[in-house]
Amino acid sequence: QSKAKLVFIGQDISPLTQKKLTDKSHFYKIPETKG
């Protein structure tokens, strides 16, 4: 919905969830950080 400005991705989530969040962030051009 383009409401996100920044996505923090925890280090304890599954690789599939991490990929999903990262891919969506890149597609919608929203910065994300991991760890």
ModelCIF file with pLDDT and N, C-alpha, C, O atoms, coordinates in Angstrom:
data_MODEL
#
_entry.id   MODEL 
#
_entity.id                         1 
_entity.type                       polymer 
_entity.pdbx_number_of_molecules   1 
#
_entity_poly.entity_id                      1 
_entity_poly.type                           'polypeptide(L)' 
_entity_poly.nstd_linkage                   no 
_entity_poly.nstd_monomer                   no 
_entity_poly.pdbx_seq_one_letter_code       QSKAKLVFIGQDISPLTQKKLTDKSHFYKIPETKG 
_entity_poly.pdbx_seq_one_letter_code_can   QSKAKLVFIGQDISPLTQKKLTDKSHFYKIPETKG 
_entity_poly.pdbx_strand_id                 A 
#
loop_
_entity_poly_seq.entity_id 
_entity_poly_seq.num 
_entity_poly_seq.mon_id 
_entity_poly_seq.hetero 
1 1  GLN n 
1 2  SER n 
1 3  LYS n 
1 4  ALA n 
1 5  LYS n 
1 6  LEU n 
1 7  VAL n 
1 8  PHE n 
1 9  ILE n 
1 10 GLY n 
1 11 GLN n 
1 12 ASP n 
1 13 ILE n 
1 14 SER n 
1 15 PRO n 
1 16 LEU n 
1 17 THR n 
1 18 GLN n 
1 19 LYS n 
1 20 LYS n 
1 21 LEU n 
1 22 THR n 
1 23 ASP n 
1 24 LYS n 
1 25 SER n 
1 26 HIS n 
1 27 PHE n 
1 28 TYR n 
1 29 LYS n 
1 30 ILE n 
1 31 PRO n 
1 32 GLU n 
1 33 THR n 
1 34 LYS n 
1 35 GLY n 
#
_struct_asym.id          A 
_struct_asym.entity_id   1 
#
loop_
_ma_qa_metric.id 
_ma_qa_metric.mode 
_ma_qa_metric.name 
_ma_qa_metric.software_group_id 
_ma_qa_metric.type 
1 global pLDDT . pLDDT 
2 local  pLDDT . pLDDT 
#
_ma_qa_metric_global.metric_id      1 
_ma_qa_metric_global.metric_value   92.06 
_ma_qa_metric_global.model_id       1 
_ma_qa_metric_global.ordinal_id     1 
#
loop_
_ma_qa_metric_local.label_asym_id 
_ma_qa_metric_local.label_comp_id 
_ma_qa_metric_local.label_seq_id 
_ma_qa_metric_local.metric_id 
_ma_qa_metric_local.metric_value 
_ma_qa_metric_local.model_id 
_ma_qa_metric_local.ordinal_id 
A GLN 1  2 95.00 1 1  
A SER 2  2 92.00 1 2  
A LYS 3  2 94.00 1 3  
A ALA 4  2 94.00 1 4  
A LYS 5  2 93.00 1 5  
A LEU 6  2 93.00 1 6  
A VAL 7  2 93.00 1 7  
A PHE 8  2 90.00 1 8  
A ILE 9  2 90.00 1 9  
A GLY 10 2 85.00 1 10 
A GLN 11 2 84.00 1 11 
A ASP 12 2 85.00 1 12 
A ILE 13 2 89.00 1 13 
A SER 14 2 92.00 1 14 
A PRO 15 2 92.00 1 15 
A LEU 16 2 95.00 1 16 
A THR 17 2 94.00 1 17 
A GLN 18 2 93.00 1 18 
A LYS 19 2 94.00 1 19 
A LYS 20 2 95.00 1 20 
A LEU 21 2 95.00 1 21 
A THR 22 2 95.00 1 22 
A ASP 23 2 96.00 1 23 
A LYS 24 2 96.00 1 24 
A SER 25 2 95.00 1 25 
A HIS 26 2 96.00 1 26 
A PHE 27 2 96.00 1 27 
A TYR 28 2 96.00 1 28 
A LYS 29 2 96.00 1 29 
A ILE 30 2 95.00 1 30 
A PRO 31 2 95.00 1 31 
A GLU 32 2 93.00 1 32 
A THR 33 2 90.00 1 33 
A LYS 34 2 85.00 1 34 
A GLY 35 2 71.00 1 35 
#
loop_
_atom_site.group_PDB 
_atom_site.id 
_atom_site.type_symbol 
_atom_site.label_atom_id 
_atom_site.label_alt_id 
_atom_site.label_comp_id 
_atom_site.label_asym_id 
_atom_site.label_entity_id 
_atom_site.label_seq_id 
_atom_site.pdbx_PDB_ins_code 
_atom_site.Cartn_x 
_atom_site.Cartn_y 
_atom_site.Cartn_z 
_atom_site.occupancy 
_atom_site.B_iso_or_equiv 
_atom_site.pdbx_formal_charge 
_atom_site.auth_seq_id 
_atom_site.auth_comp_id 
_atom_site.auth_asym_id 
_atom_site.auth_atom_id 
_atom_site.pdbx_PDB_model_num 
ATOM 1   N N  . GLN A 1 1  ? 0.817  -1.219  0.000  1.00 95.00 ? 1  GLN A N  1 
ATOM 2   C CA . GLN A 1 1  ? 0.000  0.000   0.000  1.00 95.00 ? 1  GLN A CA 1 
ATOM 3   C C  . GLN A 1 1  ? 0.849  1.266   0.000  1.00 95.00 ? 1  GLN A C  1 
ATOM 4   O O  . GLN A 1 1  ? 0.321  2.374   0.091  1.00 95.00 ? 1  GLN A O  1 
ATOM 5   N N  . SER A 1 2  ? 2.162  1.099   -0.102 1.00 92.00 ? 2  SER A N  1 
ATOM 6   C CA . SER A 1 2  ? 3.124  2.213   -0.106 1.00 92.00 ? 2  SER A CA 1 
ATOM 7   C C  . SER A 1 2  ? 3.048  3.054   1.163  1.00 92.00 ? 2  SER A C  1 
ATOM 8   O O  . SER A 1 2  ? 3.334  4.251   1.135  1.00 92.00 ? 2  SER A O  1 
ATOM 9   N N  . LYS A 1 3  ? 2.668  2.438   2.262  1.00 94.00 ? 3  LYS A N  1 
ATOM 10  C CA . LYS A 1 3  ? 2.641  3.129   3.548  1.00 94.00 ? 3  LYS A CA 1 
ATOM 11  C C  . LYS A 1 3  ? 3.966  2.973   4.285  1.00 94.00 ? 3  LYS A C  1 
ATOM 12  O O  . LYS A 1 3  ? 4.259  3.740   5.202  1.00 94.00 ? 3  LYS A O  1 
ATOM 13  N N  . ALA A 1 4  ? 4.762  1.993   3.894  1.00 94.00 ? 4  ALA A N  1 
ATOM 14  C CA . ALA A 1 4  ? 6.039  1.726   4.552  1.00 94.00 ? 4  ALA A CA 1 
ATOM 15  C C  . ALA A 1 4  ? 7.095  2.710   4.060  1.00 94.00 ? 4  ALA A C  1 
ATOM 16  O O  . ALA A 1 4  ? 7.148  3.039   2.875  1.00 94.00 ? 4  ALA A O  1 
ATOM 17  N N  . LYS A 1 5  ? 7.925  3.171   4.973  1.00 93.00 ? 5  LYS A N  1 
ATOM 18  C CA . LYS A 1 5  ? 9.038  4.061   4.634  1.00 93.00 ? 5  LYS A CA 1 
ATOM 19  C C  . LYS A 1 5  ? 10.379 3.350   4.807  1.00 93.00 ? 5  LYS A C  1 
ATOM 20  O O  . LYS A 1 5  ? 11.359 3.684   4.141  1.00 93.00 ? 5  LYS A O  1 
ATOM 21  N N  . LEU A 1 6  ? 10.412 2.368   5.705  1.00 93.00 ? 6  LEU A N  1 
ATOM 22  C CA . LEU A 1 6  ? 11.636 1.618   5.997  1.00 93.00 ? 6  LEU A CA 1 
ATOM 23  C C  . LEU A 1 6  ? 11.232 0.282   6.598  1.00 93.00 ? 6  LEU A C  1 
ATOM 24  O O  . LEU A 1 6  ? 10.312 0.222   7.413  1.00 93.00 ? 6  LEU A O  1 
ATOM 25  N N  . VAL A 1 7  ? 11.919 -0.800  6.199  1.00 93.00 ? 7  VAL A N  1 
ATOM 26  C CA . VAL A 1 7  ? 11.613 -2.123  6.709  1.00 93.00 ? 7  VAL A CA 1 
ATOM 27  C C  . VAL A 1 7  ? 12.824 -2.650  7.466  1.00 93.00 ? 7  VAL A C  1 
ATOM 28  O O  . VAL A 1 7  ? 13.924 -2.723  6.918  1.00 93.00 ? 7  VAL A O  1 
ATOM 29  N N  . PHE A 1 8  ? 12.619 -3.014  8.724  1.00 90.00 ? 8  PHE A N  1 
ATOM 30  C CA . PHE A 1 8  ? 13.649 -3.670  9.527  1.00 90.00 ? 8  PHE A CA 1 
ATOM 31  C C  . PHE A 1 8  ? 13.354 -5.164  9.495  1.00 90.00 ? 8  PHE A C  1 
ATOM 32  O O  . PHE A 1 8  ? 12.244 -5.589  9.817  1.00 90.00 ? 8  PHE A O  1 
ATOM 33  N N  . ILE A 1 9  ? 14.347 -5.958  9.107  1.00 90.00 ? 9  ILE A N  1 
ATOM 34  C CA . ILE A 1 9  ? 14.168 -7.403  9.024  1.00 90.00 ? 9  ILE A CA 1 
ATOM 35  C C  . ILE A 1 9  ? 15.019 -8.059  10.106 1.00 90.00 ? 9  ILE A C  1 
ATOM 36  O O  . ILE A 1 9  ? 16.238 -7.892  10.136 1.00 90.00 ? 9  ILE A O  1 
ATOM 37  N N  . GLY A 1 10 ? 14.367 -8.803  10.990 1.00 85.00 ? 10 GLY A N  1 
ATOM 38  C CA . GLY A 1 10 ? 15.058 -9.466  12.089 1.00 85.00 ? 10 GLY A CA 1 
ATOM 39  C C  . GLY A 1 10 ? 15.926 -10.615 11.616 1.00 85.00 ? 10 GLY A C  1 
ATOM 40  O O  . GLY A 1 10 ? 15.675 -11.201 10.563 1.00 85.00 ? 10 GLY A O  1 
ATOM 41  N N  . GLN A 1 11 ? 16.940 -10.933 12.391 1.00 84.00 ? 11 GLN A N  1 
ATOM 42  C CA . GLN A 1 11 ? 17.851 -12.018 12.024 1.00 84.00 ? 11 GLN A CA 1 
ATOM 43  C C  . GLN A 1 11 ? 17.295 -13.384 12.376 1.00 84.00 ? 11 GLN A C  1 
ATOM 44  O O  . GLN A 1 11 ? 17.881 -14.399 11.998 1.00 84.00 ? 11 GLN A O  1 
ATOM 45  N N  . ASP A 1 12 ? 16.190 -13.436 13.084 1.00 85.00 ? 12 ASP A N  1 
ATOM 46  C CA . ASP A 1 12 ? 15.651 -14.716 13.537 1.00 85.00 ? 12 ASP A CA 1 
ATOM 47  C C  . ASP A 1 12 ? 14.450 -15.189 12.719 1.00 85.00 ? 12 ASP A C  1 
ATOM 48  O O  . ASP A 1 12 ? 13.759 -16.122 13.129 1.00 85.00 ? 12 ASP A O  1 
ATOM 49  N N  . ILE A 1 13 ? 14.190 -14.562 11.569 1.00 89.00 ? 13 ILE A N  1 
ATOM 50  C CA . ILE A 1 13 ? 13.071 -15.015 10.746 1.00 89.00 ? 13 ILE A CA 1 
ATOM 51  C C  . ILE A 1 13 ? 13.562 -16.046 9.733  1.00 89.00 ? 13 ILE A C  1 
ATOM 52  O O  . ILE A 1 13 ? 14.759 -16.155 9.466  1.00 89.00 ? 13 ILE A O  1 
ATOM 53  N N  . SER A 1 14 ? 12.627 -16.788 9.185  1.00 92.00 ? 14 SER A N  1 
ATOM 54  C CA . SER A 1 14 ? 12.988 -17.851 8.245  1.00 92.00 ? 14 SER A CA 1 
ATOM 55  C C  . SER A 1 14 ? 13.540 -17.247 6.950  1.00 92.00 ? 14 SER A C  1 
ATOM 56  O O  . SER A 1 14 ? 13.215 -16.112 6.601  1.00 92.00 ? 14 SER A O  1 
ATOM 57  N N  . PRO A 1 15 ? 14.374 -18.012 6.241  1.00 92.00 ? 15 PRO A N  1 
ATOM 58  C CA . PRO A 1 15 ? 14.913 -17.523 4.960  1.00 92.00 ? 15 PRO A CA 1 
ATOM 59  C C  . PRO A 1 15 ? 13.811 -17.186 3.941  1.00 92.00 ? 15 PRO A C  1 
ATOM 60  O O  . PRO A 1 15 ? 13.948 -16.237 3.170  1.00 92.00 ? 15 PRO A O  1 
ATOM 61  N N  . LEU A 1 16 ? 12.736 -17.956 3.941  1.00 95.00 ? 16 LEU A N  1 
ATOM 62  C CA . LEU A 1 16 ? 11.637 -17.686 3.008  1.00 95.00 ? 16 LEU A CA 1 
ATOM 63  C C  . LEU A 1 16 ? 10.960 -16.347 3.315  1.00 95.00 ? 16 LEU A C  1 
ATOM 64  O O  . LEU A 1 16 ? 10.680 -15.565 2.406  1.00 95.00 ? 16 LEU A O  1 
ATOM 65  N N  . THR A 1 17 ? 10.701 -16.093 4.587  1.00 94.00 ? 17 THR A N  1 
ATOM 66  C CA . THR A 1 17 ? 10.088 -14.823 4.987  1.00 94.00 ? 17 THR A CA 1 
ATOM 67  C C  . THR A 1 17 ? 11.033 -13.668 4.694  1.00 94.00 ? 17 THR A C  1 
ATOM 68  O O  . THR A 1 17 ? 10.605 -12.613 4.227  1.00 94.00 ? 17 THR A O  1 
ATOM 69  N N  . GLN A 1 18 ? 12.313 -13.867 4.968  1.00 93.00 ? 18 GLN A N  1 
ATOM 70  C CA . GLN A 1 18 ? 13.308 -12.829 4.684  1.00 93.00 ? 18 GLN A CA 1 
ATOM 71  C C  . GLN A 1 18 ? 13.326 -12.505 3.188  1.00 93.00 ? 18 GLN A C  1 
ATOM 72  O O  . GLN A 1 18 ? 13.370 -11.333 2.812  1.00 93.00 ? 18 GLN A O  1 
ATOM 73  N N  . LYS A 1 19 ? 13.294 -13.520 2.344  1.00 94.00 ? 19 LYS A N  1 
ATOM 74  C CA . LYS A 1 19 ? 13.283 -13.304 0.894  1.00 94.00 ? 19 LYS A CA 1 
ATOM 75  C C  . LYS A 1 19 ? 12.018 -12.572 0.461  1.00 94.00 ? 19 LYS A C  1 
ATOM 76  O O  . LYS A 1 19 ? 12.070 -11.669 -0.373 1.00 94.00 ? 19 LYS A O  1 
ATOM 77  N N  . LYS A 1 20 ? 10.883 -12.966 1.031  1.00 95.00 ? 20 LYS A N  1 
ATOM 78  C CA . LYS A 1 20 ? 9.608  -12.333 0.696  1.00 95.00 ? 20 LYS A CA 1 
ATOM 79  C C  . LYS A 1 20 ? 9.641  -10.837 1.018  1.00 95.00 ? 20 LYS A C  1 
ATOM 80  O O  . LYS A 1 20 ? 9.261  -10.008 0.191  1.00 95.00 ? 20 LYS A O  1 
ATOM 81  N N  . LEU A 1 21 ? 10.096 -10.503 2.220  1.00 95.00 ? 21 LEU A N  1 
ATOM 82  C CA . LEU A 1 21 ? 10.154 -9.101  2.632  1.00 95.00 ? 21 LEU A CA 1 
ATOM 83  C C  . LEU A 1 21 ? 11.168 -8.314  1.804  1.00 95.00 ? 21 LEU A C  1 
ATOM 84  O O  . LEU A 1 21 ? 10.907 -7.178  1.411  1.00 95.00 ? 21 LEU A O  1 
ATOM 85  N N  . THR A 1 22 ? 12.311 -8.916  1.546  1.00 95.00 ? 22 THR A N  1 
ATOM 86  C CA . THR A 1 22 ? 13.344 -8.249  0.753  1.00 95.00 ? 22 THR A CA 1 
ATOM 87  C C  . THR A 1 22 ? 12.872 -8.014  -0.675 1.00 95.00 ? 22 THR A C  1 
ATOM 88  O O  . THR A 1 22 ? 13.049 -6.922  -1.214 1.00 95.00 ? 22 THR A O  1 
ATOM 89  N N  . ASP A 1 23 ? 12.272 -9.028  -1.292 1.00 96.00 ? 23 ASP A N  1 
ATOM 90  C CA . ASP A 1 23 ? 11.789 -8.892  -2.666 1.00 96.00 ? 23 ASP A CA 1 
ATOM 91  C C  . ASP A 1 23 ? 10.710 -7.819  -2.781 1.00 96.00 ? 23 ASP A C  1 
ATOM 92  O O  . ASP A 1 23 ? 10.742 -7.001  -3.701 1.00 96.00 ? 23 ASP A O  1 
ATOM 93  N N  . LYS A 1 24 ? 9.755  -7.820  -1.848 1.00 96.00 ? 24 LYS A N  1 
ATOM 94  C CA . LYS A 1 24 ? 8.690  -6.801  -1.873 1.00 96.00 ? 24 LYS A CA 1 
ATOM 95  C C  . LYS A 1 24 ? 9.277  -5.401  -1.679 1.00 96.00 ? 24 LYS A C  1 
ATOM 96  O O  . LYS A 1 24 ? 8.875  -4.450  -2.350 1.00 96.00 ? 24 LYS A O  1 
ATOM 97  N N  . SER A 1 25 ? 10.227 -5.288  -0.757 1.00 95.00 ? 25 SER A N  1 
ATOM 98  C CA . SER A 1 25 ? 10.860 -3.984  -0.497 1.00 95.00 ? 25 SER A CA 1 
ATOM 99  C C  . SER A 1 25 ? 11.567 -3.477  -1.741 1.00 95.00 ? 25 SER A C  1 
ATOM 100 O O  . SER A 1 25 ? 11.452 -2.300  -2.084 1.00 95.00 ? 25 SER A O  1 
ATOM 101 N N  . HIS A 1 26 ? 12.294 -4.351  -2.419 1.00 96.00 ? 26 HIS A N  1 
ATOM 102 C CA . HIS A 1 26 ? 13.003 -3.939  -3.634 1.00 96.00 ? 26 HIS A CA 1 
ATOM 103 C C  . HIS A 1 26 ? 12.027 -3.571  -4.741 1.00 96.00 ? 26 HIS A C  1 
ATOM 104 O O  . HIS A 1 26 ? 12.231 -2.577  -5.439 1.00 96.00 ? 26 HIS A O  1 
ATOM 105 N N  . PHE A 1 27 ? 10.971 -4.358  -4.911 1.00 96.00 ? 27 PHE A N  1 
ATOM 106 C CA . PHE A 1 27 ? 9.995  -4.098  -5.964 1.00 96.00 ? 27 PHE A CA 1 
ATOM 107 C C  . PHE A 1 27 ? 9.321  -2.744  -5.770 1.00 96.00 ? 27 PHE A C  1 
ATOM 108 O O  . PHE A 1 27 ? 9.125  -2.001  -6.733 1.00 96.00 ? 27 PHE A O  1 
ATOM 109 N N  . TYR A 1 28 ? 8.966  -2.422  -4.527 1.00 96.00 ? 28 TYR A N  1 
ATOM 110 C CA . TYR A 1 28 ? 8.275  -1.163  -4.235 1.00 96.00 ? 28 TYR A CA 1 
ATOM 111 C C  . TYR A 1 28 ? 9.244  -0.037  -3.878 1.00 96.00 ? 28 TYR A C  1 
ATOM 112 O O  . TYR A 1 28 ? 8.824  1.051   -3.485 1.00 96.00 ? 28 TYR A O  1 
ATOM 113 N N  . LYS A 1 29 ? 10.548 -0.308  -4.019 1.00 96.00 ? 29 LYS A N  1 
ATOM 114 C CA . LYS A 1 29 ? 11.605 0.687   -3.782 1.00 96.00 ? 29 LYS A CA 1 
ATOM 115 C C  . LYS A 1 29 ? 11.551 1.275   -2.368 1.00 96.00 ? 29 LYS A C  1 
ATOM 116 O O  . LYS A 1 29 ? 11.627 2.490   -2.181 1.00 96.00 ? 29 LYS A O  1 
ATOM 117 N N  . ILE A 1 30 ? 11.417 0.392   -1.387 1.00 95.00 ? 30 ILE A N  1 
ATOM 118 C CA . ILE A 1 30 ? 11.409 0.786   0.017  1.00 95.00 ? 30 ILE A CA 1 
ATOM 119 C C  . ILE A 1 30 ? 12.699 0.271   0.649  1.00 95.00 ? 30 ILE A C  1 
ATOM 120 O O  . ILE A 1 30 ? 12.999 -0.918  0.547  1.00 95.00 ? 30 ILE A O  1 
ATOM 121 N N  . PRO A 1 31 ? 13.461 1.139   1.294  1.00 95.00 ? 31 PRO A N  1 
ATOM 122 C CA . PRO A 1 31 ? 14.722 0.672   1.898  1.00 95.00 ? 31 PRO A CA 1 
ATOM 123 C C  . PRO A 1 31 ? 14.459 -0.333  3.014  1.00 95.00 ? 31 PRO A C  1 
ATOM 124 O O  . PRO A 1 31 ? 13.466 -0.241  3.736  1.00 95.00 ? 31 PRO A O  1 
ATOM 125 N N  . GLU A 1 32 ? 15.380 -1.300  3.138  1.00 93.00 ? 32 GLU A N  1 
ATOM 126 C CA . GLU A 1 32 ? 15.266 -2.289  4.205  1.00 93.00 ? 32 GLU A CA 1 
ATOM 127 C C  . GLU A 1 32 ? 16.642 -2.547  4.791  1.00 93.00 ? 32 GLU A C  1 
ATOM 128 O O  . GLU A 1 32 ? 17.668 -2.353  4.139  1.00 93.00 ? 32 GLU A O  1 
ATOM 129 N N  . THR A 1 33 ? 16.635 -2.986  6.030  1.00 90.00 ? 33 THR A N  1 
ATOM 130 C CA . THR A 1 33 ? 17.876 -3.320  6.715  1.00 90.00 ? 33 THR A CA 1 
ATOM 131 C C  . THR A 1 33 ? 17.683 -4.635  7.441  1.00 90.00 ? 33 THR A C  1 
ATOM 132 O O  . THR A 1 33 ? 16.587 -4.944  7.908  1.00 90.00 ? 33 THR A O  1 
ATOM 133 N N  . LYS A 1 34 ? 18.755 -5.411  7.533  1.00 85.00 ? 34 LYS A N  1 
ATOM 134 C CA . LYS A 1 34 ? 18.682 -6.747  8.131  1.00 85.00 ? 34 LYS A CA 1 
ATOM 135 C C  . LYS A 1 34 ? 19.561 -6.825  9.363  1.00 85.00 ? 34 LYS A C  1 
ATOM 136 O O  . LYS A 1 34 ? 20.452 -6.001  9.571  1.00 85.00 ? 34 LYS A O  1 
ATOM 137 N N  . GLY A 1 35 ? 19.289 -7.843  10.181 1.00 71.00 ? 35 GLY A N  1 
ATOM 138 C CA . GLY A 1 35 ? 20.184 -8.161  11.274 1.00 71.00 ? 35 GLY A CA 1 
ATOM 139 C C  . GLY A 1 35 ? 19.783 -7.667  12.641 1.00 71.00 ? 35 GLY A C  1 
ATOM 140 O O  . GLY A 1 35 ? 20.497 -7.901  13.616 1.00 71.00 ? 35 GLY A O  1 
#
